Structures are given as C-alpha cells and as structure tokens.
Amino acid sequence: MGPPCSGRTTLSRDLCAKYGFVHISTVEILRDFINKKGKLSSLVGDCIKKGDLSNLIIFILLMFLTVPDEIIVTLLNERLMKKDCIIQGFVLDGFPKNLSQIQSLEDLRVHPNFIFFLEGNEEVLMERLKDGKVESLVPRIVRWKEVLKIFESTPKYSNLIFKINFLCESKNILEKVSFHLENS
C-alpha cells in the first residue's frame, strides 16, 4: 500500500515475479472487466457514462472516477476465487483504499499476512507525478494516510504493518520486503 507514485505497483509486480504470487490490481480488474463486458458491465458502464472508449480513456476515467465499493469488491471477489490466486497466493496492489473496503476484507475472506506501506517525502511524490495534476495527488495522499491509521488502530492488522521508505531504489525496497516475508 502507499500513495500514488510511491512505487507500490512496481513492488507488487517485483514480489509476484520473485515468489510466483498473482498480482491483483483493482485498476486492472476494472479495465479487464470493462473490456470483457462481464455481468456487472451495466453498473460499471453507468459509472463511466457508457460508450465505446479506448483503453487510454478508460484508464484516465478509472484514475479519477469513483467506482462504487460494491462493484470493486464484487469484481475483486470473483478474481480472488480463481484457481491461480488460491494456489499461488496473491499481492493486493492498492486495496483497500477506504474504511468500507477494509471492512470488506472479512467478507472476501482475505486475511493479510503482511501489510507493506510505502511512505516517504510527499514533495518527492509531487515531483514524480508527470502530468502536473498535483492538486489531484494531495487528496489521494490524505486518503492513504487515513487507511494506514485505520489499519494501525485495528488490533488484528496493526502487527502486520511494515513501513518502507519509498525513496530507496526498487531493488532495495524488494530486499527489505523479502526479508520480512522470509523471516516472519
């Protein structure tokens, strides 16, 4: 977990490559769902005002559009029930993002073994943001801090949190996380 531009997707993918886990990203799940027109497509379609959109436009909409938690949780549950997740284990990239999604972990029967939170200098995050939308970054940073506080104040999660400075090189971040995975 961590704010945008902190390297959480890179870390998630690196962990999956190293240990054979399945990478689970809600943005990718939503994008795939929209492209496949699955059973909840009408609900998602309403969220994006319907239409035949290219992957680029869908990605931009998903980044700035609030998709109802019910849709996210339903799609995530469908993905987590697939055989590869059950057999190999998985890394959730950027989920949960709010209190409702944290509470849905129980409904999804997801019991994290570890929660890695990437943190660091917020000014660096703003420098890393390439499209100049700094004003969109600030509320997202605040949201991640709130999620971290909820996890820290919840006894069953508080001892699972490991904070990692995202200013390290990605290989060093992977080494730190790997140390915790292999020695806990």
C-alpha atoms as a PDB file:
ATOM      1  CA  MET A   1       0.000   0.000   0.000  1.00  0.00           C
ATOM      2  CA  GLY A   2       1.026   3.581  -0.412  1.00  0.00           C
ATOM      3  CA  PRO A   3       0.168   6.799  -2.178  1.00  0.00           C
ATOM      4  CA  PRO A   4       0.349   7.265  -5.935  1.00  0.00           C
ATOM      5  CA  CYS A   5       3.882   7.471  -7.346  1.00  0.00           C
ATOM      6  CA  SER A   6       5.328   5.666  -4.292  1.00  0.00           C
ATOM      7  CA  GLY A   7       6.271   2.573  -6.290  1.00  0.00           C
ATOM      8  CA  ARG A   8       3.668   0.191  -4.887  1.00  0.00           C
ATOM      9  CA  THR A   9       2.798  -1.318  -8.281  1.00  0.00           C
ATOM     10  CA  THR A  10       6.474  -1.847  -9.071  1.00  0.00           C
ATOM     11  CA  LEU A  11       6.954  -3.517  -5.695  1.00  0.00           C
ATOM     12  CA  SER A  12       3.828  -5.646  -6.173  1.00  0.00           C
ATOM     13  CA  ARG A  13       4.984  -6.851  -9.563  1.00  0.00           C
ATOM     14  CA  ASP A  14       8.529  -7.485  -8.291  1.00  0.00           C
ATOM     15  CA  LEU A  15       7.168  -9.592  -5.418  1.00  0.00           C
ATOM     16  CA  CYS A  16       4.990 -11.579  -7.790  1.00  0.00           C
ATOM     17  CA  ALA A  17       7.912 -12.211 -10.131  1.00  0.00           C
ATOM     18  CA  LYS A  18      10.192 -13.290  -7.291  1.00  0.00           C
ATOM     19  CA  TYR A  19       7.759 -15.528  -5.380  1.00  0.00           C
ATOM     20  CA  GLY A  20       5.228 -16.593  -8.022  1.00  0.00           C
ATOM     21  CA  PHE A  21       2.313 -14.711  -6.455  1.00  0.00           C
ATOM     22  CA  VAL A  22      -0.544 -13.335  -8.556  1.00  0.00           C
ATOM     23  CA  HIS A  23      -0.614  -9.546  -8.947  1.00  0.00           C
ATOM     24  CA  ILE A  24      -4.081  -8.182  -8.139  1.00  0.00           C
ATOM     25  CA  SER A  25      -4.746  -4.547  -9.059  1.00  0.00           C
ATOM     26  CA  THR A  26      -8.267  -3.154  -8.874  1.00  0.00           C
ATOM     27  CA  VAL A  27      -7.500  -0.748 -11.739  1.00  0.00           C
ATOM     28  CA  GLU A  28      -6.522  -3.699 -13.945  1.00  0.00           C
ATOM     29  CA  ILE A  29      -9.544  -5.725 -12.803  1.00  0.00           C
ATOM     30  CA  LEU A  30     -11.867  -2.855 -13.719  1.00  0.00           C
ATOM     31  CA  ARG A  31     -10.149  -2.296 -17.060  1.00  0.00           C
ATOM     32  CA  ASP A  32     -10.364  -6.008 -17.908  1.00  0.00           C
ATOM     33  CA  PHE A  33     -13.993  -6.145 -16.836  1.00  0.00           C
ATOM     34  CA  ILE A  34     -14.971  -3.181 -18.969  1.00  0.00           C
ATOM     35  CA  ASN A  35     -13.208  -4.712 -21.949  1.00  0.00           C
ATOM     36  CA  LYS A  36     -14.932  -8.105 -21.414  1.00  0.00           C
ATOM     37  CA  LYS A  37     -18.424  -6.721 -20.724  1.00  0.00           C
ATOM     38  CA  GLY A  38     -18.988  -9.057 -17.776  1.00  0.00           C
ATOM     39  CA  LYS A  39     -22.124  -9.460 -15.687  1.00  0.00           C
ATOM     40  CA  LEU A  40     -21.661  -6.150 -13.857  1.00  0.00           C
ATOM     41  CA  SER A  41     -20.864  -4.206 -17.006  1.00  0.00           C
ATOM     42  CA  SER A  42     -24.078  -2.208 -16.841  1.00  0.00           C
ATOM     43  CA  LEU A  43     -23.152  -0.914 -13.378  1.00  0.00           C
ATOM     44  CA  VAL A  44     -19.615  -0.060 -14.435  1.00  0.00           C
ATOM     45  CA  GLY A  45     -20.953   1.358 -17.666  1.00  0.00           C
ATOM     46  CA  ASP A  46     -23.119   3.759 -15.714  1.00  0.00           C
ATOM     47  CA  CYS A  47     -20.048   4.866 -13.774  1.00  0.00           C
ATOM     48  CA  ILE A  48     -18.214   5.797 -16.945  1.00  0.00           C
ATOM     49  CA  LYS A  49     -21.303   7.220 -18.678  1.00  0.00           C
ATOM     50  CA  LYS A  50     -21.392   4.342 -21.160  1.00  0.00           C
ATOM     51  CA  GLY A  51     -19.740   4.430 -24.529  1.00  0.00           C
ATOM     52  CA  ASP A  52     -17.075   2.705 -26.563  1.00  0.00           C
ATOM     53  CA  LEU A  53     -13.895   4.104 -25.012  1.00  0.00           C
ATOM     54  CA  SER A  54     -10.293   3.290 -25.796  1.00  0.00           C
ATOM     55  CA  ASN A  55      -8.077   1.761 -23.102  1.00  0.00           C
ATOM     56  CA  LEU A  56      -6.383   5.118 -22.568  1.00  0.00           C
ATOM     57  CA  ILE A  57      -9.647   6.923 -21.867  1.00  0.00           C
ATOM     58  CA  ILE A  58     -10.832   4.059 -19.642  1.00  0.00           C
ATOM     59  CA  PHE A  59      -7.591   4.240 -17.668  1.00  0.00           C
ATOM     60  CA  ILE A  60      -7.918   8.006 -17.202  1.00  0.00           C
ATOM     61  CA  LEU A  61     -11.545   7.646 -16.105  1.00  0.00           C
ATOM     62  CA  LEU A  62     -10.690   4.883 -13.656  1.00  0.00           C
ATOM     63  CA  MET A  63      -7.952   7.020 -12.142  1.00  0.00           C
ATOM     64  CA  PHE A  64     -10.282   9.931 -11.443  1.00  0.00           C
ATOM     65  CA  LEU A  65     -13.709   8.318 -11.233  1.00  0.00           C
ATOM     66  CA  THR A  66     -15.109   6.934  -8.052  1.00  0.00           C
ATOM     67  CA  VAL A  67     -16.375   3.443  -8.734  1.00  0.00           C
ATOM     68  CA  PRO A  68     -18.758   2.234  -6.004  1.00  0.00           C
ATOM     69  CA  ASP A  69     -17.143  -0.097  -3.469  1.00  0.00           C
ATOM     70  CA  GLU A  70     -19.822  -2.720  -4.174  1.00  0.00           C
ATOM     71  CA  ILE A  71     -18.551  -3.067  -7.743  1.00  0.00           C
ATOM     72  CA  ILE A  72     -14.890  -3.139  -6.726  1.00  0.00           C
ATOM     73  CA  VAL A  73     -15.478  -5.742  -4.006  1.00  0.00           C
ATOM     74  CA  THR A  74     -17.636  -7.949  -6.248  1.00  0.00           C
ATOM     75  CA  LEU A  75     -15.079  -7.933  -9.055  1.00  0.00           C
ATOM     76  CA  LEU A  76     -12.233  -8.476  -6.621  1.00  0.00           C
ATOM     77  CA  ASN A  77     -14.031 -11.422  -5.034  1.00  0.00           C
ATOM     78  CA  GLU A  78     -14.541 -13.023  -8.443  1.00  0.00           C
ATOM     79  CA  ARG A  79     -10.841 -12.633  -9.182  1.00  0.00           C
ATOM     80  CA  LEU A  80      -9.673 -13.963  -5.819  1.00  0.00           C
ATOM     81  CA  MET A  81     -11.773 -17.120  -6.250  1.00  0.00           C
ATOM     82  CA  LYS A  82      -9.862 -18.112  -9.374  1.00  0.00           C
ATOM     83  CA  LYS A  83      -7.581 -21.103  -9.084  1.00  0.00           C
ATOM     84  CA  ASP A  84      -4.299 -19.228  -9.580  1.00  0.00           C
ATOM     85  CA  CYS A  85      -4.965 -16.964  -6.575  1.00  0.00           C
ATOM     86  CA  ILE A  86      -5.971 -19.889  -4.384  1.00  0.00           C
ATOM     87  CA  ILE A  87      -2.927 -21.988  -5.287  1.00  0.00           C
ATOM     88  CA  GLN A  88      -0.186 -19.358  -5.667  1.00  0.00           C
ATOM     89  CA  GLY A  89      -1.275 -16.660  -3.252  1.00  0.00           C
ATOM     90  CA  PHE A  90      -1.577 -13.045  -4.294  1.00  0.00           C
ATOM     91  CA  VAL A  91      -0.463  -9.484  -3.702  1.00  0.00           C
ATOM     92  CA  LEU A  92      -3.194  -6.852  -3.472  1.00  0.00           C
ATOM     93  CA  ASP A  93      -1.914  -3.687  -5.124  1.00  0.00           C
ATOM     94  CA  GLY A  94      -3.600  -0.626  -3.671  1.00  0.00           C
ATOM     95  CA  PHE A  95      -6.563  -2.301  -1.991  1.00  0.00           C
ATOM     96  CA  PRO A  96      -8.231  -1.433   0.320  1.00  0.00           C
ATOM     97  CA  LYS A  97      -8.477   2.324  -0.196  1.00  0.00           C
ATOM     98  CA  ASN A  98     -11.102   3.273   2.412  1.00  0.00           C
ATOM     99  CA  LEU A  99     -12.888   2.078   5.559  1.00  0.00           C
ATOM    100  CA  SER A 100     -15.649   0.307   3.641  1.00  0.00           C
ATOM    101  CA  GLN A 101     -13.095  -1.657   1.631  1.00  0.00           C
ATOM    102  CA  ILE A 102     -11.145  -2.508   4.791  1.00  0.00           C
ATOM    103  CA  GLN A 103     -14.333  -3.890   6.299  1.00  0.00           C
ATOM    104  CA  SER A 104     -14.975  -5.884   3.135  1.00  0.00           C
ATOM    105  CA  LEU A 105     -11.758  -7.866   3.701  1.00  0.00           C
ATOM    106  CA  GLU A 106     -13.711 -10.112   6.089  1.00  0.00           C
ATOM    107  CA  ASP A 107     -16.478 -10.639   3.521  1.00  0.00           C
ATOM    108  CA  LEU A 108     -13.836 -11.521   0.934  1.00  0.00           C
ATOM    109  CA  ARG A 109     -12.191 -13.924   3.406  1.00  0.00           C
ATOM    110  CA  VAL A 110      -8.915 -12.072   2.925  1.00  0.00           C
ATOM    111  CA  HIS A 111      -6.676 -12.253   5.959  1.00  0.00           C
ATOM    112  CA  PRO A 112      -3.433 -10.443   5.141  1.00  0.00           C
ATOM    113  CA  ASN A 113      -0.167 -11.977   6.249  1.00  0.00           C
ATOM    114  CA  PHE A 114       1.649  -8.675   5.776  1.00  0.00           C
ATOM    115  CA  ILE A 115       0.765  -5.073   5.052  1.00  0.00           C
ATOM    116  CA  PHE A 116       3.633  -3.180   3.472  1.00  0.00           C
ATOM    117  CA  PHE A 117       3.117   0.560   3.456  1.00  0.00           C
ATOM    118  CA  LEU A 118       5.387   2.677   1.280  1.00  0.00           C
ATOM    119  CA  GLU A 119       5.929   6.075   2.809  1.00  0.00           C
ATOM    120  CA  GLY A 120       8.285   8.982   2.347  1.00  0.00           C
ATOM    121  CA  ASN A 121       8.624  12.609   1.403  1.00  0.00           C
ATOM    122  CA  GLU A 122       5.409  13.948  -0.154  1.00  0.00           C
ATOM    123  CA  GLU A 123       7.335  16.519  -2.184  1.00  0.00           C
ATOM    124  CA  VAL A 124       9.079  13.668  -3.975  1.00  0.00           C
ATOM    125  CA  LEU A 125       5.675  12.194  -4.870  1.00  0.00           C
ATOM    126  CA  MET A 126       4.641  15.503  -6.366  1.00  0.00           C
ATOM    127  CA  GLU A 127       7.865  15.655  -8.391  1.00  0.00           C
ATOM    128  CA  ARG A 128       7.257  12.113  -9.641  1.00  0.00           C
ATOM    129  CA  LEU A 129       3.760  12.985 -10.868  1.00  0.00           C
ATOM    130  CA  LYS A 130       4.349  13.501 -14.560  1.00  0.00           C
ATOM    131  CA  ASP A 131       1.104  15.132 -15.736  1.00  0.00           C
ATOM    132  CA  GLY A 132       1.221  18.114 -13.435  1.00  0.00           C
ATOM    133  CA  LYS A 133      -2.014  17.217 -11.622  1.00  0.00           C
ATOM    134  CA  VAL A 134      -0.530  17.910  -8.187  1.00  0.00           C
ATOM    135  CA  GLU A 135      -3.911  19.038  -6.878  1.00  0.00           C
ATOM    136  CA  SER A 136      -5.296  15.542  -7.562  1.00  0.00           C
ATOM    137  CA  LEU A 137      -2.419  13.954  -5.647  1.00  0.00           C
ATOM    138  CA  VAL A 138      -2.943  15.726  -2.320  1.00  0.00           C
ATOM    139  CA  PRO A 139      -6.373  14.180  -1.515  1.00  0.00           C
ATOM    140  CA  ARG A 140      -5.066  10.765  -2.529  1.00  0.00           C
ATOM    141  CA  ILE A 141      -2.108  11.104  -0.150  1.00  0.00           C
ATOM    142  CA  VAL A 142      -4.525  12.099   2.624  1.00  0.00           C
ATOM    143  CA  ARG A 143      -6.703   9.047   1.815  1.00  0.00           C
ATOM    144  CA  TRP A 144      -3.735   6.670   2.125  1.00  0.00           C
ATOM    145  CA  LYS A 145      -2.758   8.210   5.466  1.00  0.00           C
ATOM    146  CA  GLU A 146      -6.315   7.633   6.696  1.00  0.00           C
ATOM    147  CA  VAL A 147      -6.233   3.998   5.550  1.00  0.00           C
ATOM    148  CA  LEU A 148      -2.913   3.495   7.351  1.00  0.00           C
ATOM    149  CA  LYS A 149      -4.373   4.982  10.561  1.00  0.00           C
ATOM    150  CA  ILE A 150      -7.336   2.613  10.372  1.00  0.00           C
ATOM    151  CA  PHE A 151      -5.039  -0.392   9.936  1.00  0.00           C
ATOM    152  CA  GLU A 152      -2.781   0.812  12.759  1.00  0.00           C
ATOM    153  CA  SER A 153      -5.747   1.228  15.110  1.00  0.00           C
ATOM    154  CA  THR A 154      -7.195  -2.208  14.328  1.00  0.00           C
ATOM    155  CA  PRO A 155      -5.570  -4.871  16.558  1.00  0.00           C
ATOM    156  CA  LYS A 156      -5.783  -7.720  14.025  1.00  0.00           C
ATOM    157  CA  TYR A 157      -3.906  -5.632  11.435  1.00  0.00           C
ATOM    158  CA  SER A 158      -1.614  -3.381  13.465  1.00  0.00           C
ATOM    159  CA  ASN A 159       1.091  -6.008  13.993  1.00  0.00           C
ATOM    160  CA  LEU A 160       1.116  -6.865  10.249  1.00  0.00           C
ATOM    161  CA  ILE A 161       2.233  -3.406   9.110  1.00  0.00           C
ATOM    162  CA  PHE A 162       5.764  -2.824   7.881  1.00  0.00           C
ATOM    163  CA  LYS A 163       6.620   0.685   6.744  1.00  0.00           C
ATOM    164  CA  ILE A 164       9.163   1.001   3.970  1.00  0.00           C
ATOM    165  CA  ASN A 165      10.670   4.257   2.705  1.00  0.00           C
ATOM    166  CA  PHE A 166       9.876   4.589  -0.997  1.00  0.00           C
ATOM    167  CA  LEU A 167      12.935   6.769  -1.578  1.00  0.00           C
ATOM    168  CA  CYS A 168      15.117   3.647  -1.690  1.00  0.00           C
ATOM    169  CA  GLU A 169      15.860   2.031  -5.028  1.00  0.00           C
ATOM    170  CA  SER A 170      13.212  -0.505  -6.037  1.00  0.00           C
ATOM    171  CA  LYS A 171      15.646  -3.418  -5.621  1.00  0.00           C
ATOM    172  CA  ASN A 172      16.360  -2.290  -2.030  1.00  0.00           C
ATOM    173  CA  ILE A 173      12.665  -1.998  -1.294  1.00  0.00           C
ATOM    174  CA  LEU A 174      12.179  -5.523  -2.644  1.00  0.00           C
ATOM    175  CA  GLU A 175      15.044  -6.778  -0.452  1.00  0.00           C
ATOM    176  CA  LYS A 176      13.500  -5.210   2.669  1.00  0.00           C
ATOM    177  CA  VAL A 177      10.084  -6.666   1.943  1.00  0.00           C
ATOM    178  CA  SER A 178      11.611 -10.058   1.074  1.00  0.00           C
ATOM    179  CA  PHE A 179      13.441 -10.055   4.408  1.00  0.00           C
ATOM    180  CA  HIS A 180      10.122  -9.660   6.249  1.00  0.00           C
ATOM    181  CA  LEU A 181       8.404 -12.313   4.113  1.00  0.00           C
ATOM    182  CA  GLU A 182      11.161 -14.845   4.615  1.00  0.00           C
ATOM    183  CA  ASN A 183      11.899 -14.199   8.302  1.00  0.00           C
ATOM    184  CA  SER A 184       8.495 -13.691   9.893  1.00  0.00           C
END
